[in-house]
Amino acid sequence: MKAFYPKKGRVILHVDMNSFFASVEMAHDPSLKGKPLAIAGDVEQRRGIVVTCSYEARKYGIKTTMPLWEAKKLCSHLIVKKPNHHRYREVSQAIFEEFRQITEWVEPVSIDEGYLDITNCHELGTPMDIAFTIQQNLLRKLDLPCSIGIAPNKFLAKMASDMKKPLGITVLRKRDIPHIIWPLPIIEMHGVGAKTAEKLAGVNVYTIGDLVQLKDHQLKTILGIRGIKLKERADGLDLRAVDPAAAEENKSIGSSTTLPRDITIQSELNVILEKLAESVCQRLKRKGYLTKNVSVTIRYKDRRTISRSRKLINPINKAEDILIAAKTLFIENWNGDAIRLLGITGQDLVEEDSAIEQLDLFSYEKEARKEPLYKAIASIKSKYGDDIVQKGMDVHTFLNRKKP
């Protein structure tokens, strides 16, 4: 089978489970199959957001992150289940064990997707044979569908796995890039979110091919070094290895400092927290990660030490966002005693490329409390237009903005 493998280069698979949470629930309760199903919080009160939904539910226009009340309006007979995180983690472990039956070169990306390097697996069959075997084993053993991308690098494998859902297997070669990848809208490129797409539209980049044509100095001005990496990937260059240790190595990034003297004045401690947040921010950005969980460590002068953490609704890497989370934790847990050491750590890290606008699916309870806000915003937009509500604008800015 060596003839089906490159003499130079790699063969990478990206396996992406289809509607993972919903699929796990249907495997657990087969009576749910073929029905519109959503996974969301606070089912009894119709509150919260849609974490994921079945393909049957998507036919009604239901989407991930949609408020549950809105989803119910689109499909009155929608079946709603609360997330069962313990069950999902157990199933995820079983999935990755299946991958490791093929090769030890497995890199989990999230609970429901991962990369496999099968470059040296020619004795198991062609790359297509191996992908089909994985797909059928997951269906037969776990009753779970997946889509698989086959390509010479991680970026193209990820793009390929998105092309046929559910139960697709797609091969992408570098020679396919000009006629398959470049015509796609820039928003469909892995690593490009709505904000990045908006910035690129400002320089007339609307497709992935447009990105490749943009001059490096223009791209660097708009997106920094990350823009150059995106362009390289759009042109088929991605040297990132499939790293089995990556999930363990990148669990946290933190910064701490022993204070020059024991401090009890909150304003002084706030300054230290600001510096720590900035340090964590810089390290996250340097390594290309965002954090989904912020923790604060406090050591008192008698060496008593406490650490407290909190999961976030969205992954972050900005200093001000890290500081807000850290300060909140600090204020909630500091007992007023003199402090000798302070630390901030970002945990549950995700790659920046895969975290653009990503929702933390394990924090649906917080979103449920925003239900009245969602309804109010929908009402205001309906009456005054979509532009009346703008993200991230405080009252002072709103009142003092220039009138058109």
Protein backbone atom coordinates (compact mmCIF):
# COMPACT_ATOMS: atom_id res chain seq x y z
CA MET A 1 0.00 0.00 0.00
CA LYS A 2 3.04 2.28 0.06
CA ALA A 3 2.13 3.46 -3.42
CA PHE A 4 -0.80 5.37 -1.92
CA TYR A 5 1.47 7.29 0.48
CA PRO A 6 3.81 10.16 -0.44
CA LYS A 7 7.53 9.44 -0.63
CA LYS A 8 8.05 12.82 1.00
CA GLY A 9 5.47 14.52 3.16
CA ARG A 10 2.74 13.39 5.50
CA VAL A 11 -0.79 11.99 5.58
CA ILE A 12 -2.92 13.66 8.25
CA LEU A 13 -6.50 12.85 9.25
CA HIS A 14 -8.83 15.26 11.01
CA VAL A 15 -11.78 13.46 12.60
CA ASP A 16 -14.73 15.63 13.60
CA MET A 17 -17.71 14.05 15.35
CA ASN A 18 -21.04 15.16 13.87
CA SER A 19 -23.36 17.04 16.29
CA PHE A 20 -21.48 15.28 19.06
CA PHE A 21 -23.63 15.98 22.13
CA ALA A 22 -26.86 15.32 20.24
CA SER A 23 -25.41 12.17 18.66
CA VAL A 24 -24.35 10.84 22.07
CA GLU A 25 -27.87 11.39 23.41
CA MET A 26 -29.38 9.58 20.41
CA ALA A 27 -26.97 6.68 20.85
CA HIS A 28 -27.97 6.52 24.52
CA ASP A 29 -31.70 6.74 23.70
CA PRO A 30 -32.40 5.48 20.15
CA SER A 31 -36.00 6.74 20.34
CA LEU A 32 -34.56 10.23 19.73
CA LYS A 33 -33.17 9.29 16.31
CA GLY A 34 -34.72 11.07 13.36
CA LYS A 35 -36.29 13.73 15.58
CA PRO A 36 -35.41 17.42 16.06
CA LEU A 37 -33.23 17.43 19.17
CA ALA A 38 -31.39 20.26 20.92
CA ILE A 39 -28.98 20.17 23.83
CA ALA A 40 -29.55 23.21 26.03
CA GLY A 41 -29.79 24.38 29.63
CA ASP A 42 -32.75 24.97 31.96
CA VAL A 43 -35.17 22.90 29.90
CA GLU A 44 -38.14 23.35 32.23
CA GLN A 45 -38.10 27.13 31.99
CA ARG A 46 -37.20 27.24 28.25
CA ARG A 47 -34.13 29.22 29.19
CA GLY A 48 -30.54 29.08 28.04
CA ILE A 49 -28.92 28.58 24.67
CA VAL A 50 -28.69 25.75 22.18
CA VAL A 51 -25.34 24.05 22.74
CA THR A 52 -25.76 21.78 19.73
CA CYS A 53 -28.62 20.24 17.79
CA SER A 54 -29.39 17.31 15.51
CA TYR A 55 -29.44 17.67 11.74
CA GLU A 56 -33.22 17.24 11.87
CA ALA A 57 -33.41 20.34 14.09
CA ARG A 58 -31.17 22.29 11.72
CA LYS A 59 -33.73 21.85 8.95
CA TYR A 60 -35.95 24.23 10.93
CA GLY A 61 -33.21 26.87 11.04
CA ILE A 62 -32.07 26.06 14.58
CA LYS A 63 -28.40 26.85 15.18
CA THR A 64 -25.77 26.53 17.89
CA THR A 65 -25.82 29.46 20.40
CA MET A 66 -29.42 30.31 19.50
CA PRO A 67 -31.58 31.21 22.54
CA LEU A 68 -33.82 28.27 23.41
CA TRP A 69 -37.00 30.34 23.29
CA GLU A 70 -36.17 31.30 19.70
CA ALA A 71 -35.46 27.68 18.75
CA LYS A 72 -38.84 26.67 20.20
CA LYS A 73 -40.52 29.29 18.02
CA LEU A 74 -38.94 27.74 14.93
CA CYS A 75 -39.84 24.19 15.95
CA SER A 76 -42.59 23.82 18.55
CA HIS A 77 -42.04 20.05 18.85
CA LEU A 78 -38.28 20.41 19.44
CA ILE A 79 -37.00 17.88 21.98
CA VAL A 80 -34.63 19.50 24.48
CA LYS A 81 -32.12 17.68 26.68
CA LYS A 82 -29.77 19.08 29.29
CA PRO A 83 -26.07 18.46 28.65
CA ASN A 84 -24.69 15.35 30.36
CA HIS A 85 -21.02 16.24 30.60
CA HIS A 86 -19.98 13.05 32.39
CA ARG A 87 -21.46 10.95 29.59
CA TYR A 88 -19.81 13.09 26.89
CA ARG A 89 -16.38 12.82 28.51
CA GLU A 90 -16.67 9.04 28.82
CA VAL A 91 -17.66 8.70 25.17
CA SER A 92 -14.87 11.07 24.13
CA GLN A 93 -12.32 8.86 25.87
CA ALA A 94 -13.67 5.84 23.99
CA ILE A 95 -13.39 7.72 20.69
CA PHE A 96 -9.74 8.62 21.21
CA GLU A 97 -8.98 5.05 22.27
CA GLU A 98 -10.29 3.99 18.86
CA PHE A 99 -7.92 6.45 17.22
CA ARG A 100 -4.99 5.05 19.19
CA GLN A 101 -5.74 1.58 17.83
CA ILE A 102 -4.65 3.00 14.47
CA THR A 103 -1.61 5.08 15.50
CA GLU A 104 0.03 6.51 18.58
CA TRP A 105 0.27 9.86 16.79
CA VAL A 106 -3.05 11.26 17.98
CA GLU A 107 -3.62 14.87 19.03
CA PRO A 108 -6.94 15.72 20.70
CA VAL A 109 -8.15 19.21 19.78
CA SER A 110 -11.35 19.20 21.80
CA ILE A 111 -13.81 16.73 23.30
CA ASP A 112 -15.09 15.76 19.84
CA GLU A 113 -12.26 16.25 17.33
CA GLY A 114 -8.65 15.33 16.82
CA TYR A 115 -5.78 14.80 14.39
CA LEU A 116 -4.06 11.53 13.46
CA ASP A 117 -0.75 11.25 11.61
CA ILE A 118 -1.03 8.02 9.57
CA THR A 119 2.05 8.61 7.40
CA ASN A 120 3.59 5.30 8.51
CA CYS A 121 0.38 3.25 8.63
CA HIS A 122 0.53 1.89 5.08
CA GLU A 123 0.33 -1.71 6.36
CA LEU A 124 -3.26 -0.93 7.47
CA GLY A 125 -4.38 0.02 3.96
CA THR A 126 -4.74 3.18 1.93
CA PRO A 127 -5.51 6.48 3.70
CA MET A 128 -9.10 6.17 2.45
CA ASP A 129 -9.28 2.60 3.82
CA ILE A 130 -8.09 3.77 7.24
CA ALA A 131 -10.52 6.69 7.32
CA PHE A 132 -13.40 4.41 6.34
CA THR A 133 -12.39 1.89 9.03
CA ILE A 134 -12.38 4.61 11.71
CA GLN A 135 -15.75 5.94 10.57
CA GLN A 136 -17.36 2.49 10.50
CA ASN A 137 -15.87 1.44 13.86
CA LEU A 138 -17.26 4.55 15.55
CA LEU A 139 -20.66 3.85 14.01
CA ARG A 140 -20.65 0.16 14.89
CA LYS A 141 -19.18 0.36 18.39
CA LEU A 142 -20.47 3.72 19.63
CA ASP A 143 -23.31 4.48 17.19
CA LEU A 144 -21.73 7.86 16.46
CA PRO A 145 -21.27 9.55 13.06
CA CYS A 146 -18.18 11.52 12.11
CA SER A 147 -16.64 13.33 9.16
CA ILE A 148 -12.99 12.86 8.24
CA GLY A 149 -10.57 15.00 6.26
CA ILE A 150 -7.47 13.49 4.63
CA ALA A 151 -4.67 15.86 3.65
CA PRO A 152 -0.90 16.50 3.76
CA ASN A 153 -1.20 18.89 6.73
CA LYS A 154 -3.43 19.83 9.65
CA PHE A 155 -5.00 22.91 8.08
CA LEU A 156 -6.11 21.15 4.91
CA ALA A 157 -7.31 18.11 6.88
CA LYS A 158 -9.48 20.38 9.04
CA MET A 159 -10.88 22.17 5.98
CA ALA A 160 -11.58 18.80 4.33
CA SER A 161 -13.49 17.39 7.32
CA ASP A 162 -15.88 20.35 7.17
CA MET A 163 -16.82 19.74 3.54
CA LYS A 164 -19.11 16.73 3.89
CA LYS A 165 -21.34 16.40 6.95
CA PRO A 166 -22.59 14.11 8.29
CA LEU A 167 -20.58 10.95 7.58
CA GLY A 168 -18.28 12.41 4.97
CA ILE A 169 -14.74 11.50 3.97
CA THR A 170 -12.93 14.15 1.92
CA VAL A 171 -9.43 14.11 0.43
CA LEU A 172 -7.65 17.43 -0.15
CA ARG A 173 -4.31 17.60 -1.94
CA LYS A 174 -2.19 20.69 -2.46
CA ARG A 175 -3.05 20.64 -6.14
CA ASP A 176 -6.73 20.97 -5.16
CA ILE A 177 -6.20 24.28 -3.36
CA PRO A 178 -6.67 26.72 -6.28
CA HIS A 179 -10.02 25.30 -7.45
CA ILE A 180 -11.48 24.01 -4.15
CA ILE A 181 -10.11 26.18 -1.33
CA TRP A 182 -9.45 29.57 -2.89
CA PRO A 183 -13.01 30.20 -4.19
CA LEU A 184 -14.48 29.71 -0.69
CA PRO A 185 -15.67 32.78 1.27
CA ILE A 186 -12.98 33.93 3.71
CA ILE A 187 -15.32 33.31 6.67
CA GLU A 188 -15.21 29.57 5.85
CA MET A 189 -11.45 29.41 6.40
CA HIS A 190 -10.39 27.63 9.56
CA GLY A 191 -8.97 30.28 11.90
CA VAL A 192 -11.00 33.18 10.50
CA GLY A 193 -13.88 34.48 12.60
CA ALA A 194 -16.39 37.25 12.02
CA LYS A 195 -14.08 40.01 13.33
CA THR A 196 -11.14 38.90 11.20
CA ALA A 197 -13.37 38.57 8.13
CA GLU A 198 -14.64 42.11 8.73
CA LYS A 199 -11.09 43.47 8.89
CA LEU A 200 -10.13 41.65 5.70
CA ALA A 201 -13.22 42.92 3.89
CA GLY A 202 -11.83 46.40 4.51
CA VAL A 203 -9.01 45.59 2.07
CA ASN A 204 -11.27 43.74 -0.40
CA VAL A 205 -10.47 40.23 0.81
CA TYR A 206 -13.69 38.25 0.41
CA THR A 207 -12.42 34.81 -0.58
CA ILE A 208 -9.53 32.64 0.57
CA GLY A 209 -7.93 33.26 -2.81
CA ASP A 210 -8.07 37.01 -2.20
CA LEU A 211 -6.10 36.45 1.02
CA VAL A 212 -3.33 34.67 -0.87
CA GLN A 213 -3.02 37.62 -3.27
CA LEU A 214 -2.72 40.23 -0.51
CA LYS A 215 0.74 41.71 0.06
CA ASP A 216 2.48 40.59 3.25
CA HIS A 217 3.00 44.12 4.54
CA GLN A 218 -0.72 44.89 4.16
CA LEU A 219 -1.68 41.69 5.93
CA LYS A 220 0.76 42.27 8.76
CA THR A 221 -0.62 45.78 9.29
CA ILE A 222 -4.15 44.42 9.63
CA LEU A 223 -3.65 41.15 11.52
CA GLY A 224 -0.03 41.09 12.65
CA ILE A 225 2.07 37.94 12.37
CA ARG A 226 -1.08 35.84 12.61
CA GLY A 227 -2.14 37.21 9.24
CA ILE A 228 1.03 35.88 7.63
CA LYS A 229 0.35 32.43 9.10
CA LEU A 230 -3.19 32.48 7.74
CA LYS A 231 -1.89 33.37 4.28
CA GLU A 232 0.65 30.54 4.40
CA ARG A 233 -2.06 28.06 5.31
CA ALA A 234 -4.36 29.36 2.60
CA ASP A 235 -1.50 28.62 0.20
CA GLY A 236 -1.17 25.07 1.56
CA LEU A 237 1.80 25.56 3.90
CA ASP A 238 1.33 24.20 7.43
CA LEU A 239 4.27 22.49 9.13
CA ARG A 240 2.59 21.92 12.50
CA ALA A 241 3.15 18.37 13.71
CA VAL A 242 0.51 16.09 15.18
CA ASP A 243 1.65 16.19 18.80
CA PRO A 244 0.21 13.63 21.26
CA ALA A 245 1.66 15.61 24.17
CA ALA A 246 0.14 18.93 23.13
CA ALA A 247 -3.01 18.50 25.19
CA GLU A 248 -0.95 17.91 28.34
CA GLU A 249 1.72 20.54 27.68
CA ASN A 250 -0.74 23.32 26.97
CA LYS A 251 -3.10 22.89 29.89
CA SER A 252 -2.15 26.17 31.55
CA ILE A 253 -0.14 29.38 31.30
CA GLY A 254 0.36 31.47 34.41
CA SER A 255 2.32 34.19 36.12
CA SER A 256 2.92 34.82 39.80
CA THR A 257 5.03 37.12 41.93
CA THR A 258 6.29 37.17 45.50
CA LEU A 259 5.62 40.63 46.88
CA PRO A 260 8.52 42.75 48.20
CA ARG A 261 6.54 43.16 51.43
CA ASP A 262 3.29 41.86 52.89
CA ILE A 263 0.45 43.97 51.45
CA THR A 264 -3.08 44.63 52.70
CA ILE A 265 -3.97 47.70 50.60
CA GLN A 266 -6.34 46.70 47.80
CA SER A 267 -5.30 49.46 45.40
CA GLU A 268 -1.71 48.18 45.52
CA LEU A 269 -2.88 44.62 45.01
CA ASN A 270 -4.96 45.73 42.03
CA VAL A 271 -1.83 47.13 40.36
CA ILE A 272 -0.08 43.79 40.84
CA LEU A 273 -3.08 41.93 39.40
CA GLU A 274 -2.96 44.22 36.35
CA LYS A 275 0.71 43.38 35.75
CA LEU A 276 0.06 39.65 36.18
CA ALA A 277 -2.90 39.77 33.77
CA GLU A 278 -0.73 41.54 31.20
CA SER A 279 2.00 38.93 31.63
CA VAL A 280 -0.45 36.04 31.14
CA CYS A 281 -1.93 37.86 28.13
CA GLN A 282 1.47 38.23 26.45
CA ARG A 283 2.39 34.59 27.04
CA LEU A 284 -0.96 33.37 25.69
CA LYS A 285 -0.61 35.49 22.56
CA ARG A 286 3.01 34.49 22.04
CA LYS A 287 2.02 30.81 22.06
CA GLY A 288 -1.21 31.36 20.12
CA TYR A 289 -3.68 30.29 22.81
CA LEU A 290 -6.80 31.50 24.57
CA THR A 291 -7.95 30.42 28.01
CA LYS A 292 -11.36 29.10 29.00
CA ASN A 293 -10.66 29.10 32.74
CA VAL A 294 -8.95 31.72 34.92
CA SER A 295 -7.58 30.96 38.37
CA VAL A 296 -6.13 33.19 41.09
CA THR A 297 -3.62 32.08 43.72
CA ILE A 298 -3.30 33.95 47.03
CA ARG A 299 -0.58 33.19 49.58
CA TYR A 300 -0.82 34.94 52.93
CA LYS A 301 2.07 35.99 55.16
CA ASP A 302 1.60 32.85 57.30
CA ARG A 303 2.05 30.80 54.06
CA ARG A 304 -1.58 29.71 53.87
CA THR A 305 -2.32 29.35 50.16
CA ILE A 306 -5.63 29.24 48.30
CA SER A 307 -6.39 28.87 44.59
CA ARG A 308 -9.78 29.60 43.09
CA SER A 309 -10.83 29.25 39.45
CA ARG A 310 -13.79 29.99 37.23
CA LYS A 311 -14.85 28.71 33.81
CA LEU A 312 -15.56 31.38 31.22
CA ILE A 313 -18.39 31.69 28.74
CA ASN A 314 -15.96 32.47 25.90
CA PRO A 315 -12.21 31.79 25.60
CA ILE A 316 -10.12 34.95 26.11
CA ASN A 317 -6.55 36.24 25.80
CA LYS A 318 -6.92 40.00 26.26
CA ALA A 319 -5.33 41.51 29.37
CA GLU A 320 -8.46 43.45 30.34
CA ASP A 321 -10.65 40.33 30.12
CA ILE A 322 -8.18 38.27 32.15
CA LEU A 323 -8.00 41.08 34.73
CA ILE A 324 -11.79 41.28 35.09
CA ALA A 325 -12.03 37.55 35.76
CA ALA A 326 -9.04 37.57 38.12
CA LYS A 327 -10.19 40.62 40.08
CA THR A 328 -13.63 39.14 40.55
CA LEU A 329 -12.13 35.95 41.95
CA PHE A 330 -9.73 37.90 44.13
CA ILE A 331 -12.42 40.12 45.66
CA GLU A 332 -14.65 37.11 46.31
CA ASN A 333 -11.95 35.11 48.08
CA TRP A 334 -9.51 37.51 49.79
CA ASN A 335 -10.15 37.62 53.53
CA GLY A 336 -8.32 40.92 54.07
CA ASP A 337 -5.16 39.42 55.58
CA ALA A 338 -1.70 40.49 54.44
CA ILE A 339 -0.65 38.88 51.16
CA ARG A 340 2.82 37.63 50.30
CA LEU A 341 2.25 36.13 46.82
CA LEU A 342 -0.26 36.61 44.01
CA GLY A 343 -0.70 34.58 40.84
CA ILE A 344 -2.99 34.38 37.82
CA THR A 345 -3.23 31.29 35.62
CA GLY A 346 -5.10 30.63 32.39
CA GLN A 347 -6.26 27.01 32.19
CA ASP A 348 -8.17 24.85 29.67
CA LEU A 349 -6.27 26.39 26.78
CA VAL A 350 -7.45 26.27 23.18
CA GLU A 351 -5.57 27.19 20.00
CA GLU A 352 -6.37 30.69 18.80
CA ASP A 353 -7.11 29.40 15.29
CA SER A 354 -9.85 27.08 16.54
CA ALA A 355 -11.22 29.40 19.20
CA ILE A 356 -12.39 32.37 17.15
CA GLU A 357 -15.77 33.36 18.56
CA GLN A 358 -15.96 29.92 20.20
CA LEU A 359 -18.58 29.37 22.89
CA ASP A 360 -17.58 27.49 26.01
CA LEU A 361 -20.14 24.71 25.81
CA PHE A 362 -19.76 23.84 29.48
CA SER A 363 -20.97 27.23 30.73
CA TYR A 364 -24.53 27.14 29.46
CA GLU A 365 -25.89 27.92 32.95
CA LYS A 366 -24.50 31.46 32.76
CA GLU A 367 -26.06 31.99 29.34
CA ALA A 368 -29.41 30.85 30.70
CA ARG A 369 -29.43 33.82 33.05
CA LYS A 370 -29.14 36.14 30.04
CA GLU A 371 -32.50 35.00 28.66
CA PRO A 372 -34.36 38.26 29.46
CA LEU A 373 -31.50 40.22 27.85
CA TYR A 374 -31.71 38.20 24.63
CA LYS A 375 -35.45 38.84 24.41
CA ALA A 376 -35.00 42.56 25.07
CA ILE A 377 -32.32 42.86 22.39
CA ALA A 378 -34.49 40.99 19.88
CA SER A 379 -37.38 43.34 20.62
CA ILE A 380 -35.24 46.49 20.32
CA LYS A 381 -33.68 45.34 17.04
CA SER A 382 -37.10 44.49 15.64
CA LYS A 383 -38.36 48.00 16.41
CA TYR A 384 -35.31 50.14 15.63
CA GLY A 385 -33.09 48.04 13.36
CA ASP A 386 -30.06 45.76 13.78
CA ASP A 387 -27.56 48.60 14.29
CA ILE A 388 -29.22 49.98 17.42
CA VAL A 389 -27.53 47.39 19.68
CA GLN A 390 -23.75 47.26 19.40
CA LYS A 391 -21.43 44.82 21.11
CA GLY A 392 -19.01 46.17 23.70
CA MET A 393 -20.31 49.77 23.86
CA ASP A 394 -20.55 51.22 27.35
CA VAL A 395 -23.04 53.90 28.38
CA HIS A 396 -20.47 56.73 28.32
CA THR A 397 -19.41 55.86 24.77
CA PHE A 398 -23.03 55.56 23.64
CA LEU A 399 -24.05 58.93 25.06
CA ASN A 400 -21.02 60.73 23.68
CA ARG A 401 -20.76 59.12 20.25
CA LYS A 402 -21.00 61.44 17.29
CA LYS A 403 -24.41 61.85 15.76
CA PRO A 404 -24.58 61.05 12.02
